[in-house]
């Protein structure tokens, strides 16, 4: 995910939430065992939103 700095504030917060959730999960589990569902739940976002954001 490449940030340009011109994203909407809501999008910036969501992306930061995803990064933070990933950092937490990587400390708890091995990388291959982390699922999109877990990551989305930890970031408190919808799974569909996660997929839309990461496809940018």
N, C-alpha and C. Protein backbone atom coordinates (compact mmCIF):
# COMPACT_ATOMS: atom_id res chain seq x y z
N UNK A 1 0.84 -1.15 0.00
CA UNK A 1 0.00 0.00 0.00
C UNK A 1 0.90 1.23 0.00
N UNK A 2 0.77 2.05 -0.98
CA UNK A 2 1.60 3.24 -1.10
C UNK A 2 0.78 4.46 -0.74
N UNK A 3 1.24 5.20 0.28
CA UNK A 3 0.55 6.41 0.70
C UNK A 3 1.17 7.62 0.01
N UNK A 4 0.32 8.52 -0.43
CA UNK A 4 0.80 9.71 -1.10
C UNK A 4 0.74 10.94 -0.20
N UNK A 5 0.00 10.85 0.90
CA UNK A 5 -0.16 11.99 1.79
C UNK A 5 -1.38 12.82 1.45
N UNK A 6 -2.06 12.50 0.36
CA UNK A 6 -3.24 13.25 -0.04
C UNK A 6 -4.53 12.46 0.21
N UNK A 7 -4.43 11.37 0.96
CA UNK A 7 -5.61 10.56 1.23
C UNK A 7 -6.54 11.28 2.21
N UNK A 8 -7.79 10.93 2.14
CA UNK A 8 -8.79 11.41 3.07
C UNK A 8 -8.38 10.99 4.49
N UNK A 9 -8.70 11.80 5.48
CA UNK A 9 -8.33 11.52 6.86
C UNK A 9 -8.88 10.18 7.33
N UNK A 10 -10.11 9.85 6.90
CA UNK A 10 -10.69 8.56 7.30
C UNK A 10 -9.88 7.40 6.74
N UNK A 11 -9.43 7.54 5.51
CA UNK A 11 -8.62 6.50 4.88
C UNK A 11 -7.27 6.38 5.59
N UNK A 12 -6.67 7.50 5.95
CA UNK A 12 -5.40 7.47 6.67
C UNK A 12 -5.54 6.75 8.00
N UNK A 13 -6.62 7.02 8.73
CA UNK A 13 -6.85 6.35 10.01
C UNK A 13 -7.06 4.85 9.82
N UNK A 14 -7.79 4.49 8.78
CA UNK A 14 -8.03 3.06 8.51
C UNK A 14 -6.73 2.35 8.17
N UNK A 15 -5.91 2.96 7.35
CA UNK A 15 -4.64 2.36 6.97
C UNK A 15 -3.73 2.23 8.19
N UNK A 16 -3.70 3.26 9.03
CA UNK A 16 -2.90 3.19 10.25
C UNK A 16 -3.40 2.09 11.17
N UNK A 17 -4.71 1.91 11.22
CA UNK A 17 -5.29 0.85 12.03
C UNK A 17 -4.88 -0.52 11.52
N UNK A 18 -4.82 -0.68 10.21
CA UNK A 18 -4.39 -1.94 9.61
C UNK A 18 -2.92 -2.21 9.94
N UNK A 19 -2.08 -1.20 9.79
CA UNK A 19 -0.66 -1.36 10.11
C UNK A 19 -0.47 -1.74 11.58
N UNK A 20 -1.19 -1.06 12.46
CA UNK A 20 -1.06 -1.34 13.90
C UNK A 20 -1.52 -2.76 14.21
N UNK A 21 -2.63 -3.17 13.63
CA UNK A 21 -3.14 -4.52 13.84
C UNK A 21 -2.15 -5.56 13.33
N UNK A 22 -1.53 -5.29 12.19
CA UNK A 22 -0.55 -6.22 11.64
C UNK A 22 0.66 -6.34 12.56
N UNK A 23 1.13 -5.21 13.08
CA UNK A 23 2.27 -5.24 14.02
C UNK A 23 1.96 -6.08 15.25
N UNK A 24 0.75 -5.95 15.76
CA UNK A 24 0.35 -6.74 16.93
C UNK A 24 0.30 -8.23 16.60
N UNK A 25 -0.32 -8.55 15.45
CA UNK A 25 -0.46 -9.95 15.08
C UNK A 25 0.87 -10.62 14.75
N UNK A 26 1.79 -9.88 14.16
CA UNK A 26 3.07 -10.48 13.78
C UNK A 26 3.88 -10.84 15.03
N UNK A 27 3.62 -10.15 16.13
CA UNK A 27 4.28 -10.48 17.40
C UNK A 27 3.67 -11.72 18.05
N UNK A 28 2.42 -12.01 17.72
CA UNK A 28 1.71 -13.13 18.32
C UNK A 28 1.80 -14.40 17.49
N UNK A 29 1.84 -14.26 16.16
CA UNK A 29 1.78 -15.41 15.26
C UNK A 29 2.86 -15.33 14.20
N UNK A 30 3.08 -16.46 13.56
CA UNK A 30 3.98 -16.47 12.42
C UNK A 30 3.25 -15.85 11.22
N UNK A 31 4.02 -15.24 10.34
CA UNK A 31 3.44 -14.52 9.19
C UNK A 31 2.48 -15.36 8.37
N UNK A 32 2.83 -16.60 7.99
CA UNK A 32 1.90 -17.37 7.13
C UNK A 32 0.57 -17.73 7.81
N UNK A 33 0.52 -17.63 9.13
CA UNK A 33 -0.70 -18.02 9.84
C UNK A 33 -1.66 -16.86 10.08
N UNK A 34 -1.29 -15.66 9.68
CA UNK A 34 -2.16 -14.50 9.83
C UNK A 34 -3.16 -14.48 8.68
N UNK A 35 -4.45 -14.37 9.02
CA UNK A 35 -5.48 -14.36 7.98
C UNK A 35 -6.05 -12.94 7.81
N UNK A 36 -6.66 -12.72 6.67
CA UNK A 36 -7.31 -11.43 6.39
C UNK A 36 -8.41 -11.19 7.41
N UNK A 37 -9.14 -12.23 7.74
CA UNK A 37 -10.24 -12.10 8.69
C UNK A 37 -9.73 -11.61 10.05
N UNK A 38 -8.65 -12.22 10.53
CA UNK A 38 -8.08 -11.81 11.82
C UNK A 38 -7.58 -10.36 11.77
N UNK A 39 -6.90 -10.04 10.69
CA UNK A 39 -6.35 -8.71 10.54
C UNK A 39 -7.46 -7.66 10.49
N UNK A 40 -8.52 -7.94 9.76
CA UNK A 40 -9.65 -7.01 9.66
C UNK A 40 -10.35 -6.86 11.01
N UNK A 41 -10.51 -7.96 11.72
CA UNK A 41 -11.15 -7.89 13.03
C UNK A 41 -10.30 -7.08 14.00
N UNK A 42 -9.00 -7.31 14.00
CA UNK A 42 -8.11 -6.59 14.90
C UNK A 42 -8.08 -5.10 14.58
N UNK A 43 -8.18 -4.76 13.30
CA UNK A 43 -8.17 -3.36 12.87
C UNK A 43 -9.56 -2.73 13.01
N UNK A 44 -10.54 -3.53 13.37
CA UNK A 44 -11.93 -3.11 13.54
C UNK A 44 -12.50 -2.50 12.25
N UNK A 45 -12.26 -3.21 11.16
CA UNK A 45 -12.82 -2.81 9.87
C UNK A 45 -13.47 -4.03 9.22
N UNK A 46 -14.26 -3.78 8.20
CA UNK A 46 -14.91 -4.83 7.44
C UNK A 46 -13.88 -5.51 6.53
N UNK A 47 -14.02 -6.81 6.35
CA UNK A 47 -13.10 -7.56 5.49
C UNK A 47 -13.11 -7.02 4.05
N UNK A 48 -14.28 -6.65 3.55
CA UNK A 48 -14.37 -6.10 2.19
C UNK A 48 -13.60 -4.79 2.07
N UNK A 49 -13.69 -3.95 3.09
CA UNK A 49 -12.96 -2.69 3.08
C UNK A 49 -11.46 -2.95 3.06
N UNK A 50 -11.01 -3.93 3.82
CA UNK A 50 -9.59 -4.28 3.82
C UNK A 50 -9.13 -4.66 2.41
N UNK A 51 -9.90 -5.47 1.75
CA UNK A 51 -9.53 -5.92 0.39
C UNK A 51 -9.53 -4.73 -0.59
N UNK A 52 -10.52 -3.86 -0.50
CA UNK A 52 -10.58 -2.70 -1.39
C UNK A 52 -9.35 -1.80 -1.18
N UNK A 53 -9.00 -1.55 0.06
CA UNK A 53 -7.88 -0.68 0.37
C UNK A 53 -6.55 -1.28 -0.08
N UNK A 54 -6.37 -2.56 0.12
CA UNK A 54 -5.09 -3.19 -0.22
C UNK A 54 -4.94 -3.42 -1.72
N UNK A 55 -5.99 -3.31 -2.50
CA UNK A 55 -5.88 -3.50 -3.95
C UNK A 55 -5.45 -2.21 -4.65
N UNK A 56 -5.28 -1.14 -3.93
CA UNK A 56 -4.86 0.14 -4.53
C UNK A 56 -3.46 0.07 -5.00
